[in-house]
């Protein structure tokens, strides 16, 4: 009862393709790429505009809430992995 061999994984892949079809798997792949790209872009824009202007107290609270949400998203990505992130993205947009 060791690790699966390459033949086991190929059979699993064949079954997944037969169940979902290549079109659905292609859509999942493109959604995954879009989710990762959007996440990276969101992280970059959050870092760049921090030193632009002084903030009012309400703006500082909003930014702090946004930072907390970004950190939660980072933790979620780390916990769920790539496929979980795609499912999470689909759940948010539906």
C-alpha atoms as a PDB file:
ATOM      1  CA  UNK A   1       0.000   0.000   0.000  1.00  0.00           C
ATOM      2  CA  UNK A   2       2.501   2.566  -1.176  1.00  0.00           C
ATOM      3  CA  UNK A   3       2.169   5.588  -3.396  1.00  0.00           C
ATOM      4  CA  UNK A   4       0.217   5.425  -6.612  1.00  0.00           C
ATOM      5  CA  UNK A   5       2.142   4.693  -9.783  1.00  0.00           C
ATOM      6  CA  UNK A   6       1.915   6.695 -12.988  1.00  0.00           C
ATOM      7  CA  UNK A   7      -0.558   4.159 -14.385  1.00  0.00           C
ATOM      8  CA  UNK A   8      -2.963   4.780 -11.536  1.00  0.00           C
ATOM      9  CA  UNK A   9      -2.863   8.522 -12.186  1.00  0.00           C
ATOM     10  CA  UNK A  10      -3.368   8.046 -15.932  1.00  0.00           C
ATOM     11  CA  UNK A  11      -6.454   5.934 -15.292  1.00  0.00           C
ATOM     12  CA  UNK A  12      -7.808   8.565 -12.892  1.00  0.00           C
ATOM     13  CA  UNK A  13      -7.139  11.269 -15.491  1.00  0.00           C
ATOM     14  CA  UNK A  14      -8.936   9.247 -18.170  1.00  0.00           C
ATOM     15  CA  UNK A  15     -11.970   8.803 -15.917  1.00  0.00           C
ATOM     16  CA  UNK A  16     -12.039  12.524 -15.076  1.00  0.00           C
ATOM     17  CA  UNK A  17     -11.898  13.425 -18.785  1.00  0.00           C
ATOM     18  CA  UNK A  18     -14.684  10.956 -19.533  1.00  0.00           C
ATOM     19  CA  UNK A  19     -16.892  12.314 -16.739  1.00  0.00           C
ATOM     20  CA  UNK A  20     -16.360  16.047 -17.233  1.00  0.00           C
ATOM     21  CA  UNK A  21     -15.346  16.260 -20.876  1.00  0.00           C
ATOM     22  CA  UNK A  22     -12.511  18.261 -22.344  1.00  0.00           C
ATOM     23  CA  UNK A  23     -14.549  21.459 -22.790  1.00  0.00           C
ATOM     24  CA  UNK A  24     -15.458  21.680 -19.115  1.00  0.00           C
ATOM     25  CA  UNK A  25     -11.872  20.913 -18.064  1.00  0.00           C
ATOM     26  CA  UNK A  26     -10.626  23.637 -20.426  1.00  0.00           C
ATOM     27  CA  UNK A  27     -13.058  26.123 -18.851  1.00  0.00           C
ATOM     28  CA  UNK A  28     -11.903  25.131 -15.376  1.00  0.00           C
ATOM     29  CA  UNK A  29      -8.281  25.641 -16.431  1.00  0.00           C
ATOM     30  CA  UNK A  30      -8.948  29.090 -17.851  1.00  0.00           C
ATOM     31  CA  UNK A  31     -10.976  30.040 -14.765  1.00  0.00           C
ATOM     32  CA  UNK A  32      -8.115  28.867 -12.586  1.00  0.00           C
ATOM     33  CA  UNK A  33      -5.652  30.999 -14.528  1.00  0.00           C
ATOM     34  CA  UNK A  34      -7.963  34.007 -14.280  1.00  0.00           C
ATOM     35  CA  UNK A  35      -8.403  33.498 -10.549  1.00  0.00           C
ATOM     36  CA  UNK A  36      -4.661  33.331  -9.932  1.00  0.00           C
ATOM     37  CA  UNK A  37      -4.022  36.366 -12.165  1.00  0.00           C
ATOM     38  CA  UNK A  38      -6.765  38.372 -10.455  1.00  0.00           C
ATOM     39  CA  UNK A  39      -5.421  37.428  -7.048  1.00  0.00           C
ATOM     40  CA  UNK A  40      -1.899  38.527  -8.002  1.00  0.00           C
ATOM     41  CA  UNK A  41      -3.151  41.801  -9.517  1.00  0.00           C
ATOM     42  CA  UNK A  42      -5.204  42.499  -6.402  1.00  0.00           C
ATOM     43  CA  UNK A  43      -2.201  41.933  -4.204  1.00  0.00           C
ATOM     44  CA  UNK A  44      -0.047  44.256  -6.317  1.00  0.00           C
ATOM     45  CA  UNK A  45      -2.573  47.109  -6.343  1.00  0.00           C
ATOM     46  CA  UNK A  46      -3.041  46.802  -2.582  1.00  0.00           C
ATOM     47  CA  UNK A  47       0.675  47.351  -1.997  1.00  0.00           C
ATOM     48  CA  UNK A  48       1.209  50.216  -4.451  1.00  0.00           C
ATOM     49  CA  UNK A  49      -1.360  52.760  -3.289  1.00  0.00           C
ATOM     50  CA  UNK A  50      -0.590  52.568   0.450  1.00  0.00           C
ATOM     51  CA  UNK A  51       1.860  55.491   0.516  1.00  0.00           C
ATOM     52  CA  UNK A  52      -0.014  57.819  -1.883  1.00  0.00           C
ATOM     53  CA  UNK A  53      -1.879  60.195   0.479  1.00  0.00           C
ATOM     54  CA  UNK A  54      -2.706  60.537   4.169  1.00  0.00           C
ATOM     55  CA  UNK A  55      -5.963  58.817   5.117  1.00  0.00           C
ATOM     56  CA  UNK A  56      -8.929  59.912   7.181  1.00  0.00           C
ATOM     57  CA  UNK A  57     -10.010  57.702  10.053  1.00  0.00           C
ATOM     58  CA  UNK A  58     -12.874  56.106   8.077  1.00  0.00           C
ATOM     59  CA  UNK A  59     -10.590  55.480   5.086  1.00  0.00           C
ATOM     60  CA  UNK A  60      -8.016  53.884   7.392  1.00  0.00           C
ATOM     61  CA  UNK A  61     -10.684  51.543   8.793  1.00  0.00           C
ATOM     62  CA  UNK A  62     -11.771  50.589   5.262  1.00  0.00           C
ATOM     63  CA  UNK A  63      -8.173  49.920   4.261  1.00  0.00           C
ATOM     64  CA  UNK A  64      -7.618  47.838   7.390  1.00  0.00           C
ATOM     65  CA  UNK A  65     -10.713  45.779   6.546  1.00  0.00           C
ATOM     66  CA  UNK A  66      -9.432  45.341   2.976  1.00  0.00           C
ATOM     67  CA  UNK A  67      -6.042  44.234   4.284  1.00  0.00           C
ATOM     68  CA  UNK A  68      -7.732  41.722   6.561  1.00  0.00           C
ATOM     69  CA  UNK A  69      -9.745  40.342   3.623  1.00  0.00           C
ATOM     70  CA  UNK A  70      -6.610  40.060   1.477  1.00  0.00           C
ATOM     71  CA  UNK A  71      -4.865  38.164   4.268  1.00  0.00           C
ATOM     72  CA  UNK A  72      -7.870  35.862   4.590  1.00  0.00           C
ATOM     73  CA  UNK A  73      -7.768  35.283   0.829  1.00  0.00           C
ATOM     74  CA  UNK A  74      -4.061  34.429   1.053  1.00  0.00           C
ATOM     75  CA  UNK A  75      -4.749  31.933   3.832  1.00  0.00           C
ATOM     76  CA  UNK A  76      -7.634  30.445   1.859  1.00  0.00           C
ATOM     77  CA  UNK A  77      -5.464  30.019  -1.244  1.00  0.00           C
ATOM     78  CA  UNK A  78      -2.795  28.309   0.840  1.00  0.00           C
ATOM     79  CA  UNK A  79      -5.314  26.047   2.546  1.00  0.00           C
ATOM     80  CA  UNK A  80      -7.486  25.064  -0.398  1.00  0.00           C
ATOM     81  CA  UNK A  81      -4.864  24.943  -3.089  1.00  0.00           C
ATOM     82  CA  UNK A  82      -5.577  25.768  -6.715  1.00  0.00           C
ATOM     83  CA  UNK A  83      -8.711  23.696  -7.286  1.00  0.00           C
ATOM     84  CA  UNK A  84     -10.301  24.964  -4.106  1.00  0.00           C
ATOM     85  CA  UNK A  85      -9.609  28.543  -5.210  1.00  0.00           C
ATOM     86  CA  UNK A  86     -11.441  27.932  -8.493  1.00  0.00           C
ATOM     87  CA  UNK A  87     -14.429  26.497  -6.639  1.00  0.00           C
ATOM     88  CA  UNK A  88     -14.367  29.450  -4.248  1.00  0.00           C
ATOM     89  CA  UNK A  89     -14.250  31.895  -7.175  1.00  0.00           C
ATOM     90  CA  UNK A  90     -17.195  30.185  -8.864  1.00  0.00           C
ATOM     91  CA  UNK A  91     -19.178  30.284  -5.638  1.00  0.00           C
ATOM     92  CA  UNK A  92     -18.572  34.017  -5.285  1.00  0.00           C
ATOM     93  CA  UNK A  93     -19.660  34.837  -8.847  1.00  0.00           C
ATOM     94  CA  UNK A  94     -22.773  32.643  -8.970  1.00  0.00           C
END
